[in-house]
């Protein structure tokens, strides 16, 4: 995890009273050769990558905008604190 990423919160709904700082799209390999990776592990890695990007945008909260698809996912970045 990047510096500052541990303090970034992942929320499922739009946070109230927060300022939107932008969006980030992250991706990982969701399959290796003919084997699909564990979807929970893929989602965890996507959240970690989004959390790594947030401090550089001045954000402290990320919100998934859609479920993971083909190893990629978009997140909204928010400044709440």
N, C-alpha and C. Protein backbone atom coordinates (compact mmCIF):
# COMPACT_ATOMS: atom_id res chain seq x y z
N UNK A 1 0.83 -1.17 0.00
CA UNK A 1 0.00 0.00 0.00
C UNK A 1 0.89 1.25 0.00
N UNK A 2 0.46 2.24 -0.75
CA UNK A 2 1.22 3.48 -0.87
C UNK A 2 1.07 4.32 0.41
N UNK A 3 2.01 5.26 0.63
CA UNK A 3 1.89 6.14 1.80
C UNK A 3 0.57 6.90 1.78
N UNK A 4 -0.11 6.93 2.90
CA UNK A 4 -1.38 7.63 3.02
C UNK A 4 -2.59 6.79 2.63
N UNK A 5 -2.38 5.67 1.96
CA UNK A 5 -3.50 4.86 1.49
C UNK A 5 -4.22 4.13 2.61
N UNK A 6 -3.51 3.86 3.71
CA UNK A 6 -4.15 3.14 4.83
C UNK A 6 -5.26 3.97 5.46
N UNK A 7 -5.19 5.28 5.36
CA UNK A 7 -6.20 6.15 5.94
C UNK A 7 -7.41 6.33 5.03
N UNK A 8 -7.35 5.84 3.80
CA UNK A 8 -8.44 6.00 2.84
C UNK A 8 -9.52 4.96 3.13
N UNK A 9 -10.76 5.43 3.19
CA UNK A 9 -11.91 4.58 3.47
C UNK A 9 -12.60 4.19 2.17
N UNK A 10 -13.10 2.96 2.10
CA UNK A 10 -13.89 2.50 0.97
C UNK A 10 -15.35 2.45 1.43
N UNK A 11 -16.23 3.15 0.72
CA UNK A 11 -17.66 3.16 1.07
C UNK A 11 -18.46 2.63 -0.11
N UNK A 12 -19.63 2.07 0.18
CA UNK A 12 -20.46 1.51 -0.90
C UNK A 12 -21.46 2.50 -1.45
N UNK A 13 -21.96 3.42 -0.66
CA UNK A 13 -22.88 4.44 -1.14
C UNK A 13 -22.20 5.78 -1.23
N UNK A 14 -22.86 6.73 -1.89
CA UNK A 14 -22.28 8.07 -1.99
C UNK A 14 -22.20 8.70 -0.61
N UNK A 15 -21.02 9.15 -0.21
CA UNK A 15 -20.88 9.75 1.12
C UNK A 15 -21.54 11.13 1.19
N UNK A 16 -22.14 11.42 2.33
CA UNK A 16 -22.81 12.71 2.53
C UNK A 16 -21.81 13.76 3.02
N UNK A 17 -21.98 14.98 2.57
CA UNK A 17 -21.16 16.08 3.05
C UNK A 17 -19.72 16.03 2.59
N UNK A 18 -19.47 15.39 1.46
CA UNK A 18 -18.10 15.25 0.96
C UNK A 18 -17.95 15.96 -0.38
N UNK A 19 -16.73 16.33 -0.70
CA UNK A 19 -16.42 17.01 -1.95
C UNK A 19 -15.81 16.00 -2.92
N UNK A 20 -16.39 15.88 -4.11
CA UNK A 20 -15.87 14.95 -5.10
C UNK A 20 -14.56 15.49 -5.67
N UNK A 21 -13.53 14.64 -5.67
CA UNK A 21 -12.21 15.04 -6.15
C UNK A 21 -11.88 14.46 -7.52
N UNK A 22 -12.74 13.57 -8.03
CA UNK A 22 -12.52 13.00 -9.34
C UNK A 22 -12.84 11.52 -9.36
N UNK A 23 -12.42 10.86 -10.43
CA UNK A 23 -12.63 9.42 -10.58
C UNK A 23 -11.32 8.76 -10.96
N UNK A 24 -11.23 7.48 -10.63
CA UNK A 24 -10.03 6.71 -10.95
C UNK A 24 -10.48 5.36 -11.49
N UNK A 25 -9.79 4.87 -12.49
CA UNK A 25 -10.06 3.53 -13.01
C UNK A 25 -8.82 2.68 -12.77
N UNK A 26 -9.03 1.51 -12.19
CA UNK A 26 -7.92 0.60 -11.87
C UNK A 26 -8.22 -0.76 -12.47
N UNK A 27 -7.16 -1.55 -12.68
CA UNK A 27 -7.36 -2.89 -13.23
C UNK A 27 -6.27 -3.84 -12.77
N UNK A 28 -6.64 -5.11 -12.71
CA UNK A 28 -5.72 -6.21 -12.39
C UNK A 28 -6.08 -7.38 -13.30
N UNK A 29 -5.23 -8.38 -13.34
CA UNK A 29 -5.55 -9.59 -14.10
C UNK A 29 -6.61 -10.38 -13.34
N UNK A 30 -7.71 -10.69 -14.03
CA UNK A 30 -8.76 -11.47 -13.37
C UNK A 30 -8.71 -12.94 -13.76
N UNK A 31 -7.78 -13.27 -14.66
CA UNK A 31 -7.58 -14.68 -15.00
C UNK A 31 -6.12 -14.87 -15.38
N UNK A 32 -5.64 -16.09 -15.16
CA UNK A 32 -4.28 -16.45 -15.51
C UNK A 32 -4.38 -17.71 -16.36
N UNK A 33 -3.91 -17.61 -17.58
CA UNK A 33 -4.04 -18.70 -18.55
C UNK A 33 -5.53 -19.04 -18.68
N UNK A 34 -5.94 -20.23 -18.34
CA UNK A 34 -7.34 -20.63 -18.47
C UNK A 34 -8.08 -20.62 -17.14
N UNK A 35 -7.46 -20.10 -16.11
CA UNK A 35 -8.03 -20.13 -14.77
C UNK A 35 -8.49 -18.75 -14.34
N UNK A 36 -9.74 -18.65 -13.91
CA UNK A 36 -10.25 -17.41 -13.35
C UNK A 36 -9.77 -17.28 -11.91
N UNK A 37 -9.37 -16.06 -11.53
CA UNK A 37 -8.93 -15.80 -10.17
C UNK A 37 -10.14 -15.64 -9.26
N UNK A 38 -9.93 -15.79 -7.98
CA UNK A 38 -10.98 -15.62 -6.98
C UNK A 38 -11.53 -14.19 -7.08
N UNK A 39 -12.85 -14.04 -7.32
CA UNK A 39 -13.42 -12.70 -7.48
C UNK A 39 -13.24 -11.80 -6.25
N UNK A 40 -13.26 -12.37 -5.06
CA UNK A 40 -13.06 -11.55 -3.85
C UNK A 40 -11.63 -11.02 -3.78
N UNK A 41 -10.68 -11.84 -4.19
CA UNK A 41 -9.27 -11.39 -4.20
C UNK A 41 -9.07 -10.29 -5.23
N UNK A 42 -9.69 -10.44 -6.41
CA UNK A 42 -9.61 -9.42 -7.45
C UNK A 42 -10.20 -8.11 -6.93
N UNK A 43 -11.38 -8.17 -6.30
CA UNK A 43 -12.02 -6.97 -5.77
C UNK A 43 -11.15 -6.31 -4.70
N UNK A 44 -10.54 -7.12 -3.85
CA UNK A 44 -9.66 -6.57 -2.80
C UNK A 44 -8.47 -5.83 -3.42
N UNK A 45 -7.89 -6.40 -4.45
CA UNK A 45 -6.75 -5.76 -5.12
C UNK A 45 -7.18 -4.46 -5.81
N UNK A 46 -8.36 -4.45 -6.42
CA UNK A 46 -8.86 -3.23 -7.06
C UNK A 46 -9.08 -2.13 -6.03
N UNK A 47 -9.64 -2.47 -4.88
CA UNK A 47 -9.84 -1.48 -3.83
C UNK A 47 -8.51 -0.94 -3.32
N UNK A 48 -7.51 -1.81 -3.19
CA UNK A 48 -6.19 -1.36 -2.75
C UNK A 48 -5.58 -0.39 -3.75
N UNK A 49 -5.70 -0.69 -5.04
CA UNK A 49 -5.17 0.21 -6.06
C UNK A 49 -5.89 1.55 -6.03
N UNK A 50 -7.21 1.54 -5.85
CA UNK A 50 -7.97 2.79 -5.77
C UNK A 50 -7.55 3.59 -4.54
N UNK A 51 -7.36 2.91 -3.43
CA UNK A 51 -6.91 3.59 -2.20
C UNK A 51 -5.52 4.19 -2.40
N UNK A 52 -4.66 3.52 -3.15
CA UNK A 52 -3.33 4.05 -3.43
C UNK A 52 -3.39 5.35 -4.24
N UNK A 53 -4.37 5.48 -5.12
CA UNK A 53 -4.50 6.66 -5.97
C UNK A 53 -5.12 7.85 -5.24
N UNK A 54 -5.95 7.59 -4.25
CA UNK A 54 -6.73 8.65 -3.58
C UNK A 54 -5.88 9.77 -2.97
N UNK A 55 -4.82 9.48 -2.21
CA UNK A 55 -4.07 10.59 -1.59
C UNK A 55 -3.50 11.57 -2.62
N UNK A 56 -3.11 11.08 -3.78
CA UNK A 56 -2.59 11.97 -4.82
C UNK A 56 -3.64 12.90 -5.40
N UNK A 57 -4.90 12.57 -5.18
CA UNK A 57 -6.02 13.40 -5.66
C UNK A 57 -6.57 14.27 -4.54
N UNK A 58 -5.98 14.17 -3.36
CA UNK A 58 -6.47 14.91 -2.22
C UNK A 58 -7.74 14.31 -1.65
N UNK A 59 -7.95 13.01 -1.85
CA UNK A 59 -9.16 12.33 -1.39
C UNK A 59 -8.83 11.43 -0.20
N UNK A 60 -9.84 11.19 0.64
CA UNK A 60 -9.67 10.30 1.77
C UNK A 60 -10.71 9.18 1.78
N UNK A 61 -11.56 9.15 0.75
CA UNK A 61 -12.61 8.15 0.64
C UNK A 61 -12.77 7.78 -0.82
N UNK A 62 -12.96 6.49 -1.10
CA UNK A 62 -13.27 6.04 -2.46
C UNK A 62 -14.56 5.25 -2.45
N UNK A 63 -15.30 5.37 -3.55
CA UNK A 63 -16.59 4.71 -3.69
C UNK A 63 -16.63 4.00 -5.04
N UNK A 64 -16.85 2.67 -5.05
CA UNK A 64 -16.97 1.98 -6.33
C UNK A 64 -18.20 2.48 -7.09
N UNK A 65 -18.03 2.75 -8.38
CA UNK A 65 -19.14 3.25 -9.20
C UNK A 65 -19.90 2.12 -9.87
N UNK A 66 -19.28 0.96 -9.98
CA UNK A 66 -19.90 -0.22 -10.59
C UNK A 66 -19.14 -1.43 -10.08
N UNK A 67 -19.72 -2.61 -10.20
CA UNK A 67 -18.99 -3.82 -9.81
C UNK A 67 -17.78 -4.05 -10.72
N UNK A 68 -16.80 -4.82 -10.26
CA UNK A 68 -15.66 -5.14 -11.12
C UNK A 68 -16.12 -5.86 -12.38
N UNK A 69 -15.45 -5.56 -13.50
CA UNK A 69 -15.78 -6.20 -14.77
C UNK A 69 -14.49 -6.43 -15.56
N UNK A 70 -14.23 -7.67 -15.90
CA UNK A 70 -13.02 -8.04 -16.67
C UNK A 70 -11.74 -7.52 -16.02
N UNK A 71 -11.70 -7.53 -14.70
CA UNK A 71 -10.50 -7.12 -13.98
C UNK A 71 -10.35 -5.63 -13.78
N UNK A 72 -11.34 -4.84 -14.17
CA UNK A 72 -11.26 -3.38 -14.01
C UNK A 72 -12.44 -2.85 -13.22
N UNK A 73 -12.26 -1.65 -12.66
CA UNK A 73 -13.33 -1.02 -11.88
C UNK A 73 -13.06 0.47 -11.78
N UNK A 74 -14.16 1.26 -11.81
CA UNK A 74 -14.06 2.71 -11.63
C UNK A 74 -14.51 3.06 -10.21
N UNK A 75 -13.80 4.05 -9.65
CA UNK A 75 -14.10 4.54 -8.31
C UNK A 75 -14.21 6.06 -8.36
N UNK A 76 -15.12 6.63 -7.54
CA UNK A 76 -15.17 8.07 -7.30
C UNK A 76 -14.27 8.33 -6.09
N UNK A 77 -13.56 9.44 -6.13
CA UNK A 77 -12.68 9.83 -5.03
C UNK A 77 -13.29 11.05 -4.35
N UNK A 78 -13.39 11.00 -3.03
CA UNK A 78 -14.04 12.03 -2.23
C UNK A 78 -13.13 12.55 -1.11
N UNK A 79 -13.29 13.83 -0.78
CA UNK A 79 -12.63 14.41 0.39
C UNK A 79 -13.73 14.63 1.42
N UNK A 80 -13.68 13.88 2.51
CA UNK A 80 -14.74 13.92 3.52
C UNK A 80 -14.29 14.47 4.87
N UNK A 81 -13.03 14.40 5.20
CA UNK A 81 -12.57 14.77 6.54
C UNK A 81 -11.99 16.17 6.56
